[in-house]
């Protein structure tokens, strides 16, 4: 660890068709500890669904706090399903730590998505 970083803002427009859906208005990228880029592109649709709803009660919705950017990229990756789900959830943990989430909270969130999050 040490090279991980985000680039780009979380810039969204709420969509009226579905109350939780938002469209990204700018690209957001996370470069992980292996130098791989994880991208959420302008026009991608997100809704926070990749984080189990019961976790929202524990740590808040995916749109607030230090894990907003991690939530966006995790959502997009869970919709794309182009990488193994285990890798996507592991990167979620790495993004949480890189964005300043407390290690214990990050482990709780990672375990929740690993156990109850999407799998393909």
N, C-alpha and C. Protein backbone atom coordinates (compact mmCIF):
# COMPACT_ATOMS: atom_id res chain seq x y z
N UNK A 1 0.84 -1.18 0.00
CA UNK A 1 0.00 0.00 0.00
C UNK A 1 0.89 1.25 0.00
N UNK A 2 0.32 2.34 -0.46
CA UNK A 2 1.07 3.56 -0.47
C UNK A 2 0.88 4.38 -1.73
N UNK A 3 0.57 3.73 -2.85
CA UNK A 3 0.37 4.44 -4.12
C UNK A 3 -1.10 4.65 -4.44
N UNK A 4 -1.98 4.18 -3.58
CA UNK A 4 -3.40 4.24 -3.86
C UNK A 4 -3.87 5.69 -3.86
N UNK A 5 -4.69 6.01 -4.85
CA UNK A 5 -5.25 7.36 -4.87
C UNK A 5 -6.46 7.46 -5.78
N UNK A 6 -7.30 8.43 -5.47
CA UNK A 6 -8.45 8.76 -6.30
C UNK A 6 -8.10 9.95 -7.17
N UNK A 7 -8.72 10.02 -8.33
CA UNK A 7 -8.65 11.24 -9.13
C UNK A 7 -10.02 11.48 -9.73
N UNK A 8 -10.41 12.72 -9.70
CA UNK A 8 -11.73 13.10 -10.19
C UNK A 8 -12.71 13.28 -9.05
N UNK A 9 -13.76 14.05 -9.30
CA UNK A 9 -14.76 14.32 -8.28
C UNK A 9 -15.93 13.33 -8.34
N UNK A 10 -16.71 13.31 -7.28
CA UNK A 10 -18.01 12.65 -7.35
C UNK A 10 -18.99 13.77 -7.71
N UNK A 11 -19.30 13.84 -8.98
CA UNK A 11 -20.19 14.86 -9.52
C UNK A 11 -21.36 14.12 -10.15
N UNK A 12 -22.56 14.30 -9.61
CA UNK A 12 -23.71 13.50 -10.03
C UNK A 12 -24.94 14.36 -10.29
N UNK A 13 -25.88 13.77 -11.02
CA UNK A 13 -27.20 14.35 -11.20
C UNK A 13 -28.20 13.29 -10.78
N UNK A 14 -29.09 13.65 -9.85
CA UNK A 14 -30.16 12.73 -9.46
C UNK A 14 -31.08 12.52 -10.64
N UNK A 15 -31.50 11.29 -10.84
CA UNK A 15 -32.43 10.98 -11.92
C UNK A 15 -33.83 10.82 -11.33
N UNK A 16 -34.81 11.28 -12.03
CA UNK A 16 -36.17 11.27 -11.50
C UNK A 16 -36.89 9.95 -11.71
N UNK A 17 -36.45 9.14 -12.67
CA UNK A 17 -37.14 7.89 -12.97
C UNK A 17 -37.09 6.90 -11.79
N UNK A 18 -35.96 6.85 -11.13
CA UNK A 18 -35.76 5.97 -9.98
C UNK A 18 -35.17 6.82 -8.86
N UNK A 19 -35.81 6.88 -7.71
CA UNK A 19 -35.44 7.84 -6.67
C UNK A 19 -34.01 7.75 -6.14
N UNK A 20 -33.36 6.58 -6.23
CA UNK A 20 -31.99 6.48 -5.72
C UNK A 20 -30.94 6.57 -6.82
N UNK A 21 -31.35 6.57 -8.08
CA UNK A 21 -30.39 6.56 -9.18
C UNK A 21 -29.78 7.94 -9.42
N UNK A 22 -28.47 7.92 -9.70
CA UNK A 22 -27.74 9.13 -10.05
C UNK A 22 -26.86 8.82 -11.25
N UNK A 23 -26.66 9.81 -12.10
CA UNK A 23 -25.78 9.69 -13.24
C UNK A 23 -24.51 10.49 -12.94
N UNK A 24 -23.36 9.86 -13.20
CA UNK A 24 -22.10 10.57 -13.00
C UNK A 24 -21.91 11.61 -14.10
N UNK A 25 -21.45 12.78 -13.70
CA UNK A 25 -21.22 13.87 -14.65
C UNK A 25 -19.74 14.07 -14.94
N UNK A 26 -18.89 13.26 -14.29
CA UNK A 26 -17.44 13.32 -14.50
C UNK A 26 -16.85 11.95 -14.21
N UNK A 27 -15.72 11.68 -14.81
CA UNK A 27 -15.01 10.43 -14.55
C UNK A 27 -14.41 10.45 -13.14
N UNK A 28 -14.39 9.28 -12.51
CA UNK A 28 -13.76 9.09 -11.21
C UNK A 28 -12.89 7.84 -11.33
N UNK A 29 -11.64 7.92 -10.90
CA UNK A 29 -10.72 6.79 -11.00
C UNK A 29 -10.05 6.55 -9.66
N UNK A 30 -9.85 5.27 -9.35
CA UNK A 30 -9.04 4.88 -8.20
C UNK A 30 -7.90 4.03 -8.73
N UNK A 31 -6.68 4.39 -8.38
CA UNK A 31 -5.51 3.59 -8.71
C UNK A 31 -5.14 2.80 -7.47
N UNK A 32 -5.19 1.46 -7.58
CA UNK A 32 -4.96 0.61 -6.42
C UNK A 32 -3.47 0.39 -6.16
N UNK A 33 -3.15 -0.38 -5.14
CA UNK A 33 -1.77 -0.60 -4.72
C UNK A 33 -0.95 -1.36 -5.76
N UNK A 34 -1.62 -2.00 -6.72
CA UNK A 34 -0.92 -2.71 -7.80
C UNK A 34 -0.76 -1.85 -9.04
N UNK A 35 -1.26 -0.61 -8.96
CA UNK A 35 -1.17 0.29 -10.11
C UNK A 35 -2.31 0.13 -11.10
N UNK A 36 -3.33 -0.68 -10.75
CA UNK A 36 -4.48 -0.88 -11.63
C UNK A 36 -5.49 0.24 -11.43
N UNK A 37 -6.06 0.71 -12.51
CA UNK A 37 -7.10 1.73 -12.43
C UNK A 37 -8.47 1.09 -12.37
N UNK A 38 -9.31 1.64 -11.52
CA UNK A 38 -10.72 1.26 -11.38
C UNK A 38 -11.50 2.53 -11.74
N UNK A 39 -12.28 2.45 -12.80
CA UNK A 39 -12.92 3.65 -13.35
C UNK A 39 -14.43 3.63 -13.23
N UNK A 40 -14.96 4.76 -12.86
CA UNK A 40 -16.39 5.04 -12.99
C UNK A 40 -16.45 6.21 -13.96
N UNK A 41 -17.14 6.01 -15.07
CA UNK A 41 -17.12 6.99 -16.14
C UNK A 41 -18.33 7.91 -16.12
N UNK A 42 -18.09 9.09 -16.68
CA UNK A 42 -19.19 10.03 -16.92
C UNK A 42 -20.30 9.26 -17.63
N UNK A 43 -21.52 9.45 -17.19
CA UNK A 43 -22.75 8.83 -17.69
C UNK A 43 -23.07 7.48 -17.03
N UNK A 44 -22.12 6.89 -16.26
CA UNK A 44 -22.46 5.67 -15.50
C UNK A 44 -23.57 6.00 -14.51
N UNK A 45 -24.43 5.03 -14.24
CA UNK A 45 -25.53 5.19 -13.29
C UNK A 45 -25.17 4.44 -12.01
N UNK A 46 -25.37 5.09 -10.89
CA UNK A 46 -25.12 4.48 -9.58
C UNK A 46 -26.36 4.61 -8.72
N UNK A 47 -26.46 3.75 -7.68
CA UNK A 47 -27.61 3.85 -6.77
C UNK A 47 -27.31 3.35 -5.36
N UNK A 48 -26.06 3.03 -5.08
CA UNK A 48 -25.69 2.59 -3.75
C UNK A 48 -26.06 1.15 -3.44
N UNK A 49 -26.61 0.44 -4.42
CA UNK A 49 -27.13 -0.90 -4.17
C UNK A 49 -26.05 -1.94 -3.90
N UNK A 50 -24.80 -1.63 -4.22
CA UNK A 50 -23.76 -2.63 -3.99
C UNK A 50 -23.39 -2.76 -2.51
N UNK A 51 -23.82 -1.79 -1.70
CA UNK A 51 -23.60 -1.87 -0.25
C UNK A 51 -24.91 -2.31 0.39
N UNK A 52 -24.87 -3.44 1.10
CA UNK A 52 -26.11 -3.97 1.69
C UNK A 52 -26.85 -2.92 2.53
N UNK A 53 -28.16 -2.87 2.35
CA UNK A 53 -28.99 -1.87 3.02
C UNK A 53 -28.84 -1.89 4.54
N UNK A 54 -28.68 -3.10 5.15
CA UNK A 54 -28.55 -3.14 6.61
C UNK A 54 -27.31 -2.40 7.07
N UNK A 55 -26.30 -2.30 6.22
CA UNK A 55 -25.09 -1.58 6.59
C UNK A 55 -25.33 -0.08 6.63
N UNK A 56 -26.29 0.39 5.85
CA UNK A 56 -26.61 1.81 5.85
C UNK A 56 -27.01 2.27 7.26
N UNK A 57 -27.73 1.42 7.98
CA UNK A 57 -28.16 1.77 9.33
C UNK A 57 -26.97 1.87 10.28
N UNK A 58 -25.94 1.08 10.02
CA UNK A 58 -24.76 1.05 10.88
C UNK A 58 -23.79 2.20 10.60
N UNK A 59 -23.53 2.48 9.31
CA UNK A 59 -22.50 3.46 8.97
C UNK A 59 -23.01 4.64 8.16
N UNK A 60 -24.26 4.63 7.77
CA UNK A 60 -24.81 5.71 6.97
C UNK A 60 -24.95 5.30 5.51
N UNK A 61 -25.62 6.12 4.74
CA UNK A 61 -25.85 5.79 3.33
C UNK A 61 -24.54 5.87 2.55
N UNK A 62 -24.49 5.22 1.39
CA UNK A 62 -23.26 5.23 0.60
C UNK A 62 -22.92 6.60 0.01
N UNK A 63 -23.83 7.56 0.16
CA UNK A 63 -23.60 8.87 -0.44
C UNK A 63 -22.98 9.87 0.53
N UNK A 64 -22.69 9.45 1.74
CA UNK A 64 -22.14 10.37 2.73
C UNK A 64 -20.83 9.81 3.29
N UNK A 65 -20.14 10.64 4.00
CA UNK A 65 -18.95 10.19 4.71
C UNK A 65 -17.75 9.97 3.81
N UNK A 66 -16.72 9.41 4.43
CA UNK A 66 -15.45 9.21 3.75
C UNK A 66 -15.51 8.11 2.71
N UNK A 67 -16.58 7.36 2.63
CA UNK A 67 -16.61 6.24 1.70
C UNK A 67 -17.45 6.52 0.46
N UNK A 68 -17.78 7.76 0.23
CA UNK A 68 -18.58 8.11 -0.95
C UNK A 68 -17.90 7.68 -2.25
N UNK A 69 -16.62 8.01 -2.41
CA UNK A 69 -15.94 7.67 -3.66
C UNK A 69 -15.79 6.16 -3.83
N UNK A 70 -15.48 5.47 -2.74
CA UNK A 70 -15.38 4.00 -2.79
C UNK A 70 -16.71 3.39 -3.19
N UNK A 71 -17.79 3.92 -2.66
CA UNK A 71 -19.12 3.43 -2.96
C UNK A 71 -19.45 3.58 -4.44
N UNK A 72 -19.08 4.71 -5.03
CA UNK A 72 -19.38 4.97 -6.45
C UNK A 72 -18.67 3.94 -7.33
N UNK A 73 -17.38 3.77 -7.13
CA UNK A 73 -16.63 2.84 -7.97
C UNK A 73 -17.08 1.40 -7.71
N UNK A 74 -17.34 1.06 -6.46
CA UNK A 74 -17.82 -0.29 -6.14
C UNK A 74 -19.15 -0.56 -6.83
N UNK A 75 -20.05 0.40 -6.80
CA UNK A 75 -21.35 0.27 -7.49
C UNK A 75 -21.15 -0.03 -8.97
N UNK A 76 -20.32 0.77 -9.61
CA UNK A 76 -20.10 0.61 -11.05
C UNK A 76 -19.48 -0.76 -11.35
N UNK A 77 -18.49 -1.16 -10.57
CA UNK A 77 -17.84 -2.45 -10.80
C UNK A 77 -18.81 -3.62 -10.57
N UNK A 78 -19.70 -3.48 -9.60
CA UNK A 78 -20.69 -4.54 -9.35
C UNK A 78 -21.72 -4.62 -10.47
N UNK A 79 -21.96 -3.54 -11.17
CA UNK A 79 -22.85 -3.57 -12.32
C UNK A 79 -22.15 -4.13 -13.55
N UNK A 80 -20.89 -3.79 -13.74
CA UNK A 80 -20.15 -4.25 -14.92
C UNK A 80 -19.84 -5.74 -14.87
N UNK A 81 -19.44 -6.20 -13.69
CA UNK A 81 -19.08 -7.62 -13.50
C UNK A 81 -17.98 -8.09 -14.45
N UNK A 82 -17.00 -7.24 -14.70
CA UNK A 82 -15.90 -7.61 -15.59
C UNK A 82 -14.70 -8.15 -14.82
N UNK A 83 -14.69 -7.99 -13.51
CA UNK A 83 -13.63 -8.54 -12.67
C UNK A 83 -14.30 -9.47 -11.65
N UNK A 84 -13.56 -10.42 -11.09
CA UNK A 84 -14.16 -11.31 -10.09
C UNK A 84 -14.71 -10.51 -8.90
N UNK A 85 -15.87 -10.95 -8.39
CA UNK A 85 -16.51 -10.22 -7.29
C UNK A 85 -15.58 -10.11 -6.08
N UNK A 86 -14.76 -11.12 -5.83
CA UNK A 86 -13.85 -11.08 -4.68
C UNK A 86 -12.84 -9.94 -4.83
N UNK A 87 -12.37 -9.75 -6.06
CA UNK A 87 -11.42 -8.67 -6.35
C UNK A 87 -12.08 -7.31 -6.20
N UNK A 88 -13.31 -7.19 -6.65
CA UNK A 88 -14.05 -5.93 -6.54
C UNK A 88 -14.27 -5.57 -5.08
N UNK A 89 -14.67 -6.54 -4.26
CA UNK A 89 -14.90 -6.26 -2.84
C UNK A 89 -13.59 -5.96 -2.11
N UNK A 90 -12.50 -6.64 -2.49
CA UNK A 90 -11.19 -6.36 -1.88
C UNK A 90 -10.74 -4.94 -2.22
N UNK A 91 -10.99 -4.52 -3.45
CA UNK A 91 -10.63 -3.15 -3.83
C UNK A 91 -11.48 -2.14 -3.07
N UNK A 92 -12.72 -2.49 -2.80
CA UNK A 92 -13.58 -1.61 -1.99
C UNK A 92 -12.90 -1.33 -0.65
N UNK A 93 -12.38 -2.37 -0.01
CA UNK A 93 -11.67 -2.18 1.26
C UNK A 93 -10.47 -1.26 1.07
N UNK A 94 -9.70 -1.48 0.02
CA UNK A 94 -8.52 -0.65 -0.23
C UNK A 94 -8.93 0.81 -0.46
N UNK A 95 -10.03 1.01 -1.18
CA UNK A 95 -10.52 2.38 -1.41
C UNK A 95 -10.95 3.04 -0.11
N UNK A 96 -11.61 2.28 0.75
CA UNK A 96 -12.04 2.82 2.04
C UNK A 96 -10.85 3.32 2.84
N UNK A 97 -9.82 2.50 2.94
CA UNK A 97 -8.61 2.87 3.69
C UNK A 97 -7.95 4.09 3.05
N UNK A 98 -7.83 4.08 1.73
CA UNK A 98 -7.19 5.20 1.02
C UNK A 98 -7.94 6.51 1.23
N UNK A 99 -9.24 6.42 1.45
CA UNK A 99 -10.05 7.63 1.62
C UNK A 99 -10.22 8.04 3.08
N UNK A 100 -9.52 7.35 3.99
CA UNK A 100 -9.51 7.80 5.38
C UNK A 100 -10.52 7.15 6.30
N UNK A 101 -11.17 6.09 5.85
CA UNK A 101 -12.10 5.39 6.73
C UNK A 101 -11.29 4.63 7.78
N UNK A 102 -11.73 4.71 9.03
CA UNK A 102 -11.08 3.99 10.12
C UNK A 102 -10.97 2.51 9.77
N UNK A 103 -9.84 1.88 10.12
CA UNK A 103 -9.58 0.50 9.73
C UNK A 103 -10.66 -0.47 10.22
N UNK A 104 -11.13 -0.31 11.45
CA UNK A 104 -12.18 -1.20 11.97
C UNK A 104 -13.46 -1.04 11.17
N UNK A 105 -13.86 0.19 10.90
CA UNK A 105 -15.07 0.44 10.12
C UNK A 105 -14.90 -0.11 8.70
N UNK A 106 -13.73 0.07 8.12
CA UNK A 106 -13.46 -0.45 6.78
C UNK A 106 -13.56 -1.98 6.75
N UNK A 107 -13.07 -2.64 7.79
CA UNK A 107 -13.16 -4.10 7.86
C UNK A 107 -14.61 -4.56 7.99
N UNK A 108 -15.39 -3.83 8.79
CA UNK A 108 -16.81 -4.16 8.94
C UNK A 108 -17.53 -4.00 7.60
N UNK A 109 -17.24 -2.91 6.90
CA UNK A 109 -17.89 -2.66 5.62
C UNK A 109 -17.46 -3.69 4.57
N UNK A 110 -16.18 -4.02 4.55
CA UNK A 110 -15.68 -5.03 3.62
C UNK A 110 -16.35 -6.38 3.89
N UNK A 111 -16.37 -6.79 5.15
CA UNK A 111 -16.99 -8.08 5.49
C UNK A 111 -18.47 -8.10 5.11
N UNK A 112 -19.15 -6.99 5.29
CA UNK A 112 -20.57 -6.92 4.94
C UNK A 112 -20.77 -7.10 3.44
N UNK A 113 -19.97 -6.42 2.62
CA UNK A 113 -20.15 -6.59 1.18
C UNK A 113 -19.66 -7.96 0.72
N UNK A 114 -18.66 -8.50 1.39
CA UNK A 114 -18.17 -9.83 1.02
C UNK A 114 -19.23 -10.90 1.29
N UNK A 115 -19.90 -10.79 2.44
CA UNK A 115 -20.90 -11.79 2.82
C UNK A 115 -22.25 -11.53 2.13
N UNK A 116 -22.72 -10.28 2.16
CA UNK A 116 -24.07 -9.99 1.72
C UNK A 116 -24.16 -9.17 0.43
N UNK A 117 -23.02 -8.78 -0.10
CA UNK A 117 -23.02 -7.98 -1.32
C UNK A 117 -23.20 -8.84 -2.56
N UNK A 118 -23.19 -8.22 -3.72
CA UNK A 118 -23.40 -8.94 -4.97
C UNK A 118 -22.28 -9.94 -5.26
N UNK A 119 -22.66 -11.04 -5.87
CA UNK A 119 -21.70 -12.07 -6.29
C UNK A 119 -22.09 -12.51 -7.70
N UNK A 120 -21.11 -12.78 -8.50
CA UNK A 120 -21.36 -13.25 -9.85
C UNK A 120 -20.32 -14.26 -10.27
